[in-house]
N, C-alpha and C. Protein backbone atom coordinates (compact mmCIF):
# COMPACT_ATOMS: atom_id res chain seq x y z
N MET A 1 16.21 -71.02 -3.14
CA MET A 1 17.67 -70.99 -3.08
C MET A 1 18.24 -72.04 -4.03
N LYS A 2 19.24 -71.63 -4.78
CA LYS A 2 19.93 -72.55 -5.67
C LYS A 2 21.30 -72.86 -5.08
N THR A 3 21.66 -74.14 -5.04
CA THR A 3 22.90 -74.57 -4.41
C THR A 3 23.82 -75.23 -5.43
N VAL A 4 25.07 -74.76 -5.46
CA VAL A 4 26.08 -75.33 -6.34
C VAL A 4 27.17 -75.93 -5.48
N LEU A 5 27.48 -77.19 -5.71
CA LEU A 5 28.53 -77.90 -4.99
C LEU A 5 29.76 -78.00 -5.89
N VAL A 6 30.91 -77.61 -5.37
CA VAL A 6 32.17 -77.73 -6.10
C VAL A 6 33.00 -78.79 -5.37
N ALA A 7 33.27 -79.91 -6.04
CA ALA A 7 33.92 -81.03 -5.36
C ALA A 7 34.78 -81.83 -6.31
N SER A 8 35.77 -82.51 -5.73
CA SER A 8 36.64 -83.41 -6.48
C SER A 8 37.27 -84.40 -5.52
N SER A 9 37.58 -85.56 -6.03
CA SER A 9 38.28 -86.56 -5.21
C SER A 9 39.78 -86.29 -5.19
N LYS A 10 40.22 -85.34 -5.98
CA LYS A 10 41.64 -85.01 -6.10
C LYS A 10 41.90 -83.64 -5.48
N GLY A 11 42.88 -83.53 -4.62
CA GLY A 11 43.23 -82.25 -4.04
C GLY A 11 44.03 -81.39 -4.99
N GLY A 12 44.06 -80.10 -4.74
CA GLY A 12 44.88 -79.19 -5.52
C GLY A 12 44.41 -78.93 -6.93
N VAL A 13 43.11 -79.07 -7.19
CA VAL A 13 42.60 -78.89 -8.55
C VAL A 13 41.96 -77.52 -8.77
N GLY A 14 42.03 -76.64 -7.77
CA GLY A 14 41.45 -75.31 -7.93
C GLY A 14 40.01 -75.22 -7.49
N LYS A 15 39.62 -76.13 -6.63
CA LYS A 15 38.23 -76.19 -6.16
C LYS A 15 37.81 -74.89 -5.46
N THR A 16 38.66 -74.39 -4.56
CA THR A 16 38.32 -73.18 -3.82
C THR A 16 38.26 -71.96 -4.73
N THR A 17 39.16 -71.89 -5.69
CA THR A 17 39.14 -70.78 -6.65
C THR A 17 37.83 -70.74 -7.40
N ILE A 18 37.35 -71.90 -7.83
CA ILE A 18 36.09 -71.95 -8.58
C ILE A 18 34.92 -71.61 -7.66
N ALA A 19 34.91 -72.15 -6.45
CA ALA A 19 33.81 -71.89 -5.52
C ALA A 19 33.73 -70.40 -5.18
N THR A 20 34.86 -69.77 -4.90
CA THR A 20 34.84 -68.35 -4.54
C THR A 20 34.44 -67.48 -5.73
N HIS A 21 34.86 -67.84 -6.92
CA HIS A 21 34.45 -67.07 -8.10
C HIS A 21 32.96 -67.20 -8.37
N LEU A 22 32.41 -68.37 -8.17
CA LEU A 22 30.97 -68.54 -8.35
C LEU A 22 30.20 -67.73 -7.32
N ALA A 23 30.70 -67.71 -6.09
CA ALA A 23 30.05 -66.94 -5.04
C ALA A 23 30.13 -65.44 -5.34
N ALA A 24 31.31 -64.99 -5.76
CA ALA A 24 31.48 -63.57 -6.08
C ALA A 24 30.57 -63.15 -7.23
N HIS A 25 30.49 -63.98 -8.25
CA HIS A 25 29.65 -63.66 -9.41
C HIS A 25 28.19 -63.51 -9.00
N ALA A 26 27.72 -64.42 -8.15
CA ALA A 26 26.33 -64.35 -7.70
C ALA A 26 26.09 -63.10 -6.86
N ALA A 27 27.02 -62.79 -5.96
CA ALA A 27 26.87 -61.61 -5.12
C ALA A 27 26.90 -60.32 -5.94
N LEU A 28 27.78 -60.25 -6.91
CA LEU A 28 27.86 -59.07 -7.77
C LEU A 28 26.62 -58.92 -8.64
N ASP A 29 25.93 -60.04 -8.85
CA ASP A 29 24.68 -60.04 -9.62
C ASP A 29 23.49 -59.65 -8.74
N GLY A 30 23.77 -59.34 -7.48
CA GLY A 30 22.72 -58.88 -6.59
C GLY A 30 22.03 -59.97 -5.78
N GLN A 31 22.53 -61.19 -5.86
CA GLN A 31 21.92 -62.29 -5.11
C GLN A 31 22.51 -62.37 -3.70
N ARG A 32 21.65 -62.65 -2.73
CA ARG A 32 22.12 -62.88 -1.37
C ARG A 32 22.81 -64.25 -1.34
N THR A 33 24.10 -64.22 -1.12
CA THR A 33 24.95 -65.40 -1.37
C THR A 33 25.63 -65.89 -0.11
N VAL A 34 25.62 -67.22 0.05
CA VAL A 34 26.29 -67.88 1.17
C VAL A 34 27.35 -68.81 0.60
N LEU A 35 28.54 -68.80 1.21
CA LEU A 35 29.61 -69.70 0.82
C LEU A 35 29.82 -70.70 1.96
N ILE A 36 29.47 -71.93 1.71
CA ILE A 36 29.56 -72.98 2.73
C ILE A 36 30.91 -73.67 2.60
N ASP A 37 31.77 -73.42 3.57
CA ASP A 37 33.14 -73.92 3.53
C ASP A 37 33.22 -75.24 4.28
N ALA A 38 33.21 -76.34 3.52
CA ALA A 38 33.26 -77.67 4.13
C ALA A 38 34.67 -78.22 4.19
N ASP A 39 35.64 -77.42 3.74
CA ASP A 39 37.04 -77.85 3.77
C ASP A 39 37.68 -77.40 5.08
N PRO A 40 38.23 -78.32 5.86
CA PRO A 40 38.84 -77.95 7.14
C PRO A 40 39.94 -76.90 7.02
N GLN A 41 40.52 -76.73 5.85
CA GLN A 41 41.57 -75.72 5.68
C GLN A 41 41.01 -74.30 5.82
N GLY A 42 39.72 -74.12 5.54
CA GLY A 42 39.07 -72.83 5.75
C GLY A 42 39.45 -71.73 4.78
N SER A 43 39.97 -72.08 3.61
CA SER A 43 40.42 -71.06 2.65
C SER A 43 39.26 -70.20 2.14
N SER A 44 38.12 -70.82 1.89
CA SER A 44 36.96 -70.06 1.40
C SER A 44 36.45 -69.09 2.45
N THR A 45 36.49 -69.50 3.70
CA THR A 45 36.05 -68.63 4.78
C THR A 45 36.93 -67.39 4.86
N ARG A 46 38.25 -67.58 4.78
CA ARG A 46 39.16 -66.44 4.84
C ARG A 46 38.95 -65.51 3.65
N TRP A 47 38.68 -66.08 2.48
CA TRP A 47 38.39 -65.27 1.30
C TRP A 47 37.17 -64.40 1.55
N ALA A 48 36.10 -65.00 2.06
CA ALA A 48 34.87 -64.25 2.31
C ALA A 48 35.08 -63.17 3.37
N GLN A 49 35.87 -63.46 4.36
CA GLN A 49 36.16 -62.46 5.40
C GLN A 49 36.91 -61.27 4.82
N ARG A 50 37.77 -61.50 3.85
CA ARG A 50 38.55 -60.42 3.25
C ARG A 50 37.70 -59.47 2.40
N ARG A 51 36.53 -59.95 1.93
CA ARG A 51 35.68 -59.09 1.12
C ARG A 51 34.43 -58.64 1.89
N ALA A 52 34.49 -58.76 3.21
CA ALA A 52 33.33 -58.44 4.04
C ALA A 52 32.92 -56.98 3.95
N ASP A 53 33.86 -56.09 3.60
CA ASP A 53 33.53 -54.66 3.53
C ASP A 53 33.02 -54.24 2.16
N LEU A 54 32.94 -55.17 1.23
CA LEU A 54 32.44 -54.84 -0.10
C LEU A 54 30.92 -54.89 -0.14
N GLU A 55 30.35 -54.15 -1.07
CA GLU A 55 28.90 -54.20 -1.24
C GLU A 55 28.47 -55.61 -1.65
N ALA A 56 29.31 -56.25 -2.46
CA ALA A 56 29.02 -57.62 -2.91
C ALA A 56 29.70 -58.62 -1.97
N ALA A 57 29.42 -58.48 -0.68
CA ALA A 57 30.00 -59.40 0.31
C ALA A 57 29.31 -60.76 0.22
N VAL A 58 30.00 -61.76 0.71
CA VAL A 58 29.48 -63.14 0.72
C VAL A 58 29.55 -63.64 2.16
N LEU A 59 28.48 -64.27 2.61
CA LEU A 59 28.44 -64.77 3.99
C LEU A 59 29.08 -66.15 4.07
N PRO A 60 30.16 -66.31 4.86
CA PRO A 60 30.77 -67.63 5.01
C PRO A 60 30.09 -68.44 6.12
N LEU A 61 29.91 -69.72 5.87
CA LEU A 61 29.36 -70.62 6.88
C LEU A 61 30.27 -71.84 7.02
N ASP A 62 30.36 -72.36 8.21
CA ASP A 62 31.19 -73.53 8.49
C ASP A 62 30.46 -74.80 8.05
N GLY A 63 30.89 -75.35 6.92
CA GLY A 63 30.24 -76.55 6.39
C GLY A 63 30.82 -77.84 6.94
N THR A 64 31.80 -77.73 7.85
CA THR A 64 32.37 -78.94 8.45
C THR A 64 31.47 -79.47 9.56
N ARG A 65 30.51 -78.66 10.00
CA ARG A 65 29.59 -79.08 11.04
C ARG A 65 28.33 -79.69 10.42
N ARG A 66 27.82 -80.71 11.04
CA ARG A 66 26.63 -81.37 10.50
C ARG A 66 25.40 -80.47 10.52
N THR A 67 25.43 -79.47 11.37
CA THR A 67 24.26 -78.58 11.52
C THR A 67 24.34 -77.34 10.64
N TRP A 68 25.22 -77.36 9.63
CA TRP A 68 25.42 -76.16 8.81
C TRP A 68 24.13 -75.66 8.19
N ALA A 69 23.26 -76.57 7.78
CA ALA A 69 22.04 -76.17 7.08
C ALA A 69 21.14 -75.29 7.93
N LYS A 70 21.19 -75.44 9.24
CA LYS A 70 20.35 -74.66 10.15
C LYS A 70 20.78 -73.20 10.20
N HIS A 71 21.99 -72.92 9.74
CA HIS A 71 22.53 -71.56 9.84
C HIS A 71 22.43 -70.78 8.53
N VAL A 72 21.87 -71.39 7.51
CA VAL A 72 21.68 -70.69 6.24
C VAL A 72 20.50 -69.74 6.36
N PRO A 73 20.69 -68.44 6.18
CA PRO A 73 19.57 -67.49 6.29
C PRO A 73 18.44 -67.83 5.33
N GLU A 74 17.23 -67.58 5.78
CA GLU A 74 16.06 -67.94 4.97
C GLU A 74 15.98 -67.17 3.66
N ASP A 75 16.57 -65.98 3.62
CA ASP A 75 16.48 -65.18 2.40
C ASP A 75 17.64 -65.43 1.43
N THR A 76 18.43 -66.48 1.68
CA THR A 76 19.54 -66.80 0.79
C THR A 76 19.03 -67.19 -0.60
N GLN A 77 19.65 -66.61 -1.61
CA GLN A 77 19.26 -66.92 -2.99
C GLN A 77 20.24 -67.86 -3.69
N ARG A 78 21.51 -67.80 -3.29
CA ARG A 78 22.52 -68.67 -3.90
C ARG A 78 23.46 -69.19 -2.81
N ALA A 79 23.66 -70.49 -2.80
CA ALA A 79 24.62 -71.11 -1.89
C ALA A 79 25.66 -71.84 -2.73
N VAL A 80 26.92 -71.64 -2.38
CA VAL A 80 28.02 -72.34 -3.05
C VAL A 80 28.75 -73.13 -1.99
N VAL A 81 28.96 -74.42 -2.24
CA VAL A 81 29.62 -75.30 -1.29
C VAL A 81 31.02 -75.62 -1.79
N ASP A 82 32.01 -75.29 -0.98
CA ASP A 82 33.40 -75.67 -1.25
C ASP A 82 33.67 -76.95 -0.48
N ALA A 83 33.64 -78.08 -1.17
CA ALA A 83 33.76 -79.39 -0.52
C ALA A 83 35.18 -79.62 -0.02
N PRO A 84 35.34 -80.54 0.94
CA PRO A 84 36.70 -80.85 1.42
C PRO A 84 37.54 -81.48 0.32
N ALA A 85 38.84 -81.27 0.39
CA ALA A 85 39.75 -81.85 -0.60
C ALA A 85 39.74 -83.37 -0.49
N GLY A 86 39.85 -84.03 -1.63
CA GLY A 86 39.90 -85.49 -1.64
C GLY A 86 38.63 -86.14 -1.17
N ALA A 87 37.50 -85.52 -1.44
CA ALA A 87 36.22 -86.04 -0.96
C ALA A 87 35.79 -87.29 -1.72
N THR A 88 35.02 -88.13 -1.06
CA THR A 88 34.39 -89.28 -1.70
C THR A 88 32.90 -89.00 -1.84
N VAL A 89 32.24 -89.77 -2.68
CA VAL A 89 30.80 -89.59 -2.86
C VAL A 89 30.07 -89.83 -1.54
N ASP A 90 30.49 -90.83 -0.80
CA ASP A 90 29.85 -91.12 0.49
C ASP A 90 29.99 -89.97 1.47
N SER A 91 31.17 -89.35 1.53
CA SER A 91 31.40 -88.26 2.48
C SER A 91 30.64 -86.99 2.10
N LEU A 92 30.22 -86.90 0.84
CA LEU A 92 29.50 -85.72 0.35
C LEU A 92 27.99 -85.90 0.37
N GLU A 93 27.50 -86.97 0.94
CA GLU A 93 26.09 -87.33 0.84
C GLU A 93 25.15 -86.19 1.24
N SER A 94 25.44 -85.51 2.34
CA SER A 94 24.52 -84.45 2.80
C SER A 94 24.46 -83.31 1.79
N PHE A 95 25.56 -83.03 1.11
CA PHE A 95 25.57 -81.97 0.10
C PHE A 95 24.94 -82.45 -1.21
N LEU A 96 25.18 -83.70 -1.57
CA LEU A 96 24.61 -84.25 -2.80
C LEU A 96 23.08 -84.31 -2.73
N GLU A 97 22.55 -84.41 -1.53
CA GLU A 97 21.10 -84.48 -1.36
C GLU A 97 20.42 -83.13 -1.52
N THR A 98 21.19 -82.04 -1.39
CA THR A 98 20.58 -80.71 -1.44
C THR A 98 21.02 -79.88 -2.64
N ALA A 99 22.13 -80.25 -3.28
CA ALA A 99 22.67 -79.44 -4.37
C ALA A 99 21.81 -79.53 -5.63
N ASP A 100 21.79 -78.45 -6.39
CA ASP A 100 21.12 -78.43 -7.69
C ASP A 100 22.09 -78.75 -8.81
N ALA A 101 23.37 -78.47 -8.59
CA ALA A 101 24.40 -78.74 -9.60
C ALA A 101 25.72 -79.05 -8.90
N LEU A 102 26.50 -79.90 -9.54
CA LEU A 102 27.81 -80.28 -9.02
C LEU A 102 28.86 -79.95 -10.08
N VAL A 103 29.84 -79.15 -9.69
CA VAL A 103 30.93 -78.77 -10.58
C VAL A 103 32.18 -79.52 -10.15
N VAL A 104 32.80 -80.26 -11.09
CA VAL A 104 33.98 -81.07 -10.78
C VAL A 104 35.17 -80.53 -11.56
N PRO A 105 36.13 -79.87 -10.88
CA PRO A 105 37.33 -79.40 -11.58
C PRO A 105 38.29 -80.56 -11.86
N VAL A 106 38.92 -80.51 -13.03
CA VAL A 106 39.89 -81.54 -13.41
C VAL A 106 41.10 -80.85 -14.04
N LEU A 107 42.29 -81.22 -13.60
CA LEU A 107 43.50 -80.66 -14.18
C LEU A 107 43.94 -81.47 -15.41
N PRO A 108 44.66 -80.83 -16.34
CA PRO A 108 45.05 -81.50 -17.59
C PRO A 108 46.28 -82.38 -17.45
N SER A 109 46.19 -83.39 -16.61
CA SER A 109 47.29 -84.35 -16.50
C SER A 109 46.71 -85.75 -16.38
N THR A 110 47.46 -86.72 -16.84
CA THR A 110 46.99 -88.11 -16.79
C THR A 110 46.71 -88.54 -15.36
N LEU A 111 47.58 -88.14 -14.43
CA LEU A 111 47.40 -88.53 -13.03
C LEU A 111 46.11 -87.97 -12.47
N ASP A 112 45.82 -86.70 -12.76
CA ASP A 112 44.61 -86.07 -12.24
C ASP A 112 43.35 -86.68 -12.86
N ILE A 113 43.41 -86.93 -14.16
CA ILE A 113 42.26 -87.51 -14.83
C ILE A 113 41.99 -88.93 -14.31
N ASP A 114 43.05 -89.71 -14.19
CA ASP A 114 42.90 -91.08 -13.68
C ASP A 114 42.34 -91.08 -12.26
N ALA A 115 42.77 -90.13 -11.44
CA ALA A 115 42.31 -90.07 -10.05
C ALA A 115 40.85 -89.65 -9.95
N THR A 116 40.34 -88.97 -10.97
CA THR A 116 38.97 -88.48 -10.95
C THR A 116 37.97 -89.50 -11.45
N VAL A 117 38.42 -90.45 -12.26
CA VAL A 117 37.51 -91.43 -12.86
C VAL A 117 36.69 -92.20 -11.83
N PRO A 118 37.29 -92.76 -10.77
CA PRO A 118 36.48 -93.49 -9.78
C PRO A 118 35.42 -92.61 -9.13
N PHE A 119 35.75 -91.35 -8.90
CA PHE A 119 34.80 -90.41 -8.30
C PHE A 119 33.60 -90.21 -9.23
N LEU A 120 33.85 -90.01 -10.51
CA LEU A 120 32.76 -89.81 -11.47
C LEU A 120 31.93 -91.09 -11.65
N ASN A 121 32.60 -92.24 -11.61
CA ASN A 121 31.87 -93.51 -11.71
C ASN A 121 30.93 -93.69 -10.52
N ALA A 122 31.42 -93.32 -9.33
CA ALA A 122 30.59 -93.43 -8.13
C ALA A 122 29.41 -92.45 -8.20
N LEU A 123 29.65 -91.27 -8.73
CA LEU A 123 28.58 -90.29 -8.88
C LEU A 123 27.46 -90.81 -9.77
N ALA A 124 27.85 -91.52 -10.82
CA ALA A 124 26.86 -92.04 -11.78
C ALA A 124 25.86 -92.97 -11.12
N LYS A 125 26.25 -93.55 -9.99
CA LYS A 125 25.37 -94.48 -9.29
C LYS A 125 24.48 -93.79 -8.26
N HIS A 126 24.74 -92.52 -8.01
CA HIS A 126 23.94 -91.80 -7.02
C HIS A 126 22.51 -91.62 -7.54
N PRO A 127 21.49 -91.89 -6.72
CA PRO A 127 20.10 -91.82 -7.18
C PRO A 127 19.72 -90.47 -7.80
N ARG A 128 20.16 -89.37 -7.23
CA ARG A 128 19.78 -88.05 -7.75
C ARG A 128 20.45 -87.77 -9.09
N VAL A 129 21.65 -88.28 -9.27
CA VAL A 129 22.32 -88.13 -10.57
C VAL A 129 21.62 -88.99 -11.61
N ARG A 130 21.29 -90.21 -11.25
CA ARG A 130 20.62 -91.11 -12.19
C ARG A 130 19.27 -90.56 -12.63
N ARG A 131 18.55 -89.92 -11.71
CA ARG A 131 17.23 -89.38 -12.03
C ARG A 131 17.29 -88.01 -12.70
N GLY A 132 18.48 -87.47 -12.85
CA GLY A 132 18.62 -86.16 -13.48
C GLY A 132 18.30 -85.00 -12.56
N GLN A 133 18.18 -85.25 -11.26
CA GLN A 133 17.88 -84.19 -10.30
C GLN A 133 19.13 -83.40 -9.92
N LEU A 134 20.28 -84.03 -10.07
CA LEU A 134 21.55 -83.38 -9.77
C LEU A 134 22.42 -83.41 -11.02
N ARG A 135 22.61 -82.26 -11.63
CA ARG A 135 23.43 -82.18 -12.84
C ARG A 135 24.90 -82.11 -12.46
N VAL A 136 25.72 -82.76 -13.26
CA VAL A 136 27.16 -82.79 -13.03
C VAL A 136 27.87 -82.18 -14.23
N GLY A 137 28.74 -81.21 -13.98
CA GLY A 137 29.49 -80.58 -15.05
C GLY A 137 30.98 -80.60 -14.75
N LEU A 138 31.80 -80.85 -15.77
CA LEU A 138 33.25 -80.89 -15.60
C LEU A 138 33.86 -79.55 -16.01
N VAL A 139 34.87 -79.14 -15.27
CA VAL A 139 35.60 -77.91 -15.60
C VAL A 139 37.07 -78.27 -15.80
N GLY A 140 37.54 -78.10 -17.02
CA GLY A 140 38.97 -78.24 -17.27
C GLY A 140 39.66 -77.03 -16.70
N ASN A 141 40.53 -77.23 -15.72
CA ASN A 141 41.10 -76.10 -15.00
C ASN A 141 42.62 -76.00 -15.20
N ARG A 142 43.13 -74.77 -15.09
CA ARG A 142 44.56 -74.47 -15.27
C ARG A 142 45.07 -75.00 -16.61
N LEU A 143 44.28 -74.78 -17.63
CA LEU A 143 44.66 -75.23 -18.96
C LEU A 143 45.65 -74.29 -19.61
N LYS A 144 46.51 -74.85 -20.42
CA LYS A 144 47.37 -74.08 -21.32
C LYS A 144 46.94 -74.46 -22.73
N PRO A 145 45.95 -73.74 -23.27
CA PRO A 145 45.30 -74.15 -24.53
C PRO A 145 46.25 -74.34 -25.70
N TRP A 146 47.40 -73.70 -25.64
CA TRP A 146 48.37 -73.80 -26.76
C TRP A 146 49.20 -75.08 -26.70
N THR A 147 49.05 -75.89 -25.65
CA THR A 147 49.86 -77.10 -25.51
C THR A 147 49.07 -78.34 -25.91
N ASN A 148 49.77 -79.34 -26.40
CA ASN A 148 49.12 -80.61 -26.77
C ASN A 148 48.52 -81.29 -25.56
N ALA A 149 49.17 -81.17 -24.40
CA ALA A 149 48.68 -81.84 -23.19
C ALA A 149 47.29 -81.34 -22.80
N SER A 150 47.10 -80.03 -22.83
CA SER A 150 45.80 -79.46 -22.47
C SER A 150 44.75 -79.81 -23.52
N GLN A 151 45.13 -79.74 -24.78
CA GLN A 151 44.18 -80.07 -25.85
C GLN A 151 43.73 -81.52 -25.77
N GLN A 152 44.67 -82.40 -25.51
CA GLN A 152 44.33 -83.83 -25.40
C GLN A 152 43.48 -84.10 -24.16
N ALA A 153 43.78 -83.39 -23.07
CA ALA A 153 43.01 -83.57 -21.84
C ALA A 153 41.56 -83.16 -22.04
N VAL A 154 41.34 -82.05 -22.71
CA VAL A 154 39.97 -81.58 -22.96
C VAL A 154 39.23 -82.58 -23.84
N GLU A 155 39.89 -83.10 -24.86
CA GLU A 155 39.25 -84.09 -25.73
C GLU A 155 38.88 -85.34 -24.95
N LEU A 156 39.74 -85.73 -24.01
CA LEU A 156 39.45 -86.90 -23.18
C LEU A 156 38.25 -86.64 -22.28
N LEU A 157 38.21 -85.44 -21.68
CA LEU A 157 37.08 -85.10 -20.81
C LEU A 157 35.76 -85.13 -21.57
N LYS A 158 35.81 -84.71 -22.82
CA LYS A 158 34.58 -84.64 -23.61
C LYS A 158 34.04 -86.02 -23.97
N GLN A 159 34.82 -87.06 -23.72
CA GLN A 159 34.35 -88.42 -24.00
C GLN A 159 33.54 -88.99 -22.83
N TRP A 160 33.60 -88.33 -21.70
CA TRP A 160 32.86 -88.81 -20.53
C TRP A 160 31.39 -88.42 -20.63
N PRO A 161 30.52 -89.09 -19.87
CA PRO A 161 29.07 -88.83 -19.97
C PRO A 161 28.61 -87.57 -19.26
N TYR A 162 29.54 -86.73 -18.83
CA TYR A 162 29.20 -85.46 -18.23
C TYR A 162 29.73 -84.34 -19.12
N PRO A 163 29.00 -83.23 -19.25
CA PRO A 163 29.45 -82.16 -20.14
C PRO A 163 30.65 -81.39 -19.57
N VAL A 164 31.53 -80.97 -20.45
CA VAL A 164 32.60 -80.04 -20.07
C VAL A 164 31.99 -78.64 -20.15
N VAL A 165 31.75 -78.04 -18.99
CA VAL A 165 30.99 -76.79 -18.94
C VAL A 165 31.89 -75.55 -18.92
N ALA A 166 33.20 -75.74 -18.80
CA ALA A 166 34.12 -74.60 -18.87
C ALA A 166 35.54 -75.11 -19.08
N GLU A 167 36.32 -74.27 -19.75
CA GLU A 167 37.76 -74.51 -19.93
C GLU A 167 38.49 -73.27 -19.45
N LEU A 168 39.05 -73.35 -18.24
CA LEU A 168 39.67 -72.20 -17.60
C LEU A 168 41.18 -72.21 -17.81
N ARG A 169 41.69 -71.12 -18.34
CA ARG A 169 43.13 -71.01 -18.59
C ARG A 169 43.93 -70.85 -17.30
N ASP A 170 45.14 -71.32 -17.33
CA ASP A 170 46.05 -71.18 -16.19
C ASP A 170 46.47 -69.71 -16.06
N SER A 171 46.40 -69.17 -14.85
CA SER A 171 46.80 -67.79 -14.63
C SER A 171 47.13 -67.58 -13.16
N GLN A 172 48.23 -66.87 -12.91
CA GLN A 172 48.60 -66.54 -11.54
C GLN A 172 47.65 -65.50 -10.94
N ALA A 173 46.83 -64.89 -11.78
CA ALA A 173 45.87 -63.89 -11.28
C ALA A 173 44.92 -64.50 -10.26
N TYR A 174 44.56 -65.76 -10.46
CA TYR A 174 43.62 -66.41 -9.55
C TYR A 174 44.20 -66.49 -8.13
N VAL A 175 45.47 -66.83 -8.03
CA VAL A 175 46.12 -66.93 -6.72
C VAL A 175 46.10 -65.59 -6.01
N MET A 176 46.42 -64.53 -6.74
CA MET A 176 46.45 -63.19 -6.16
C MET A 176 45.05 -62.75 -5.73
N LEU A 177 44.06 -62.99 -6.58
CA LEU A 177 42.70 -62.53 -6.31
C LEU A 177 42.09 -63.22 -5.10
N VAL A 178 42.28 -64.52 -4.99
CA VAL A 178 41.74 -65.24 -3.84
C VAL A 178 42.38 -64.73 -2.55
N GLY A 179 43.66 -64.41 -2.61
CA GLY A 179 44.34 -63.88 -1.44
C GLY A 179 43.82 -62.52 -1.02
N LEU A 180 43.24 -61.78 -1.96
CA LEU A 180 42.70 -60.45 -1.67
C LEU A 180 41.21 -60.47 -1.33
N GLY A 181 40.59 -61.64 -1.41
CA GLY A 181 39.14 -61.69 -1.20
C GLY A 181 38.39 -61.16 -2.40
N ARG A 182 39.00 -61.23 -3.55
CA ARG A 182 38.39 -60.71 -4.78
C ARG A 182 38.22 -61.83 -5.80
N SER A 183 37.68 -61.46 -6.95
CA SER A 183 37.51 -62.39 -8.07
C SER A 183 37.73 -61.63 -9.36
N LEU A 184 37.81 -62.37 -10.45
CA LEU A 184 37.91 -61.72 -11.76
C LEU A 184 36.73 -60.79 -12.02
N PHE A 185 35.59 -61.13 -11.45
CA PHE A 185 34.36 -60.40 -11.75
C PHE A 185 34.28 -59.07 -11.00
N ASP A 186 35.22 -58.82 -10.11
CA ASP A 186 35.26 -57.54 -9.41
C ASP A 186 35.97 -56.46 -10.22
N TYR A 187 36.52 -56.83 -11.37
CA TYR A 187 37.33 -55.90 -12.17
C TYR A 187 36.81 -55.85 -13.61
N HIS A 188 37.26 -54.81 -14.34
CA HIS A 188 36.69 -54.58 -15.67
C HIS A 188 37.74 -54.26 -16.74
N SER A 189 39.01 -54.52 -16.47
CA SER A 189 40.02 -54.24 -17.47
C SER A 189 39.90 -55.24 -18.63
N GLN A 190 40.51 -54.88 -19.76
CA GLN A 190 40.44 -55.75 -20.93
C GLN A 190 41.08 -57.10 -20.66
N GLN A 191 42.20 -57.11 -19.95
CA GLN A 191 42.88 -58.36 -19.64
C GLN A 191 42.00 -59.27 -18.78
N VAL A 192 41.31 -58.70 -17.82
CA VAL A 192 40.41 -59.47 -16.97
C VAL A 192 39.21 -59.98 -17.76
N ARG A 193 38.70 -59.14 -18.66
CA ARG A 193 37.54 -59.55 -19.46
C ARG A 193 37.86 -60.77 -20.31
N ASP A 194 39.08 -60.86 -20.79
CA ASP A 194 39.47 -62.03 -21.58
C ASP A 194 39.35 -63.30 -20.74
N HIS A 195 39.75 -63.23 -19.48
CA HIS A 195 39.64 -64.40 -18.60
C HIS A 195 38.19 -64.64 -18.18
N GLN A 196 37.43 -63.58 -18.04
CA GLN A 196 36.02 -63.74 -17.67
C GLN A 196 35.26 -64.54 -18.72
N GLU A 197 35.66 -64.39 -19.97
CA GLU A 197 34.98 -65.11 -21.04
C GLU A 197 35.10 -66.62 -20.87
N ASP A 198 36.16 -67.08 -20.21
CA ASP A 198 36.32 -68.51 -19.96
C ASP A 198 35.19 -69.07 -19.10
N TRP A 199 34.59 -68.19 -18.30
CA TRP A 199 33.56 -68.61 -17.35
C TRP A 199 32.15 -68.56 -17.94
N ALA A 200 32.00 -67.95 -19.10
CA ALA A 200 30.67 -67.70 -19.64
C ALA A 200 29.86 -68.98 -19.84
N SER A 201 30.51 -70.02 -20.34
CA SER A 201 29.78 -71.28 -20.59
C SER A 201 29.34 -71.95 -19.29
N LEU A 202 30.16 -71.82 -18.24
CA LEU A 202 29.78 -72.37 -16.93
C LEU A 202 28.59 -71.62 -16.36
N MET A 203 28.60 -70.30 -16.43
CA MET A 203 27.48 -69.51 -15.92
C MET A 203 26.20 -69.81 -16.68
N LYS A 204 26.33 -69.98 -17.98
CA LYS A 204 25.16 -70.31 -18.81
C LYS A 204 24.60 -71.67 -18.42
N TRP A 205 25.49 -72.65 -18.17
CA TRP A 205 25.06 -73.99 -17.78
C TRP A 205 24.35 -73.96 -16.43
N LEU A 206 24.88 -73.20 -15.49
CA LEU A 206 24.24 -73.10 -14.17
C LEU A 206 22.89 -72.41 -14.26
N LYS A 207 22.83 -71.36 -15.06
CA LYS A 207 21.58 -70.63 -15.20
C LYS A 207 20.50 -71.47 -15.87
N LYS A 208 20.92 -72.29 -16.82
CA LYS A 208 19.96 -73.13 -17.55
C LYS A 208 19.25 -74.08 -16.61
N GLY A 209 19.96 -74.56 -15.60
CA GLY A 209 19.38 -75.51 -14.66
C GLY A 209 18.39 -74.89 -13.71
């Protein structure tokens, strides 16, 4: 089983959107997928429940309980963890010990970037990160590539010691899709394919690991 943790010390950065899309992509690829919802808001769980009738369904698990690991089916091939909003490295310890990769969404604003720096600094001290056992990738989220603010934010992210593994454009489609229990990967129109391309580098990075 491969486990991907999606976490940030900053709330409202699109963490659940990324976690649900990663889970949907894995399920559509034929992998038996579990979505571990560690956020008390339960948004990922509701998303998974809404797609329960699909062939590419995703099993939701309550990650707020300490015993969550006991409920992961033995035949699970991919687990995606939606961490609680505003998490600290200490509060994520149980997930950091089991994850194969950590995806950190960052919004293109000075406030969001500044708020994320202490979290990334703390991650750098974690033994599994230091030993290279836990890879960390940054995702620039809700970007407006045509604006100076987004361009400057991406350049700033690229100066950090973690790779920028995706640059996701801002789109209201994500809000609608999560509400339907769907993802971009459930559709095949040209407009959707353009947005799917934003995810290609992230999928390649996860697969490489």
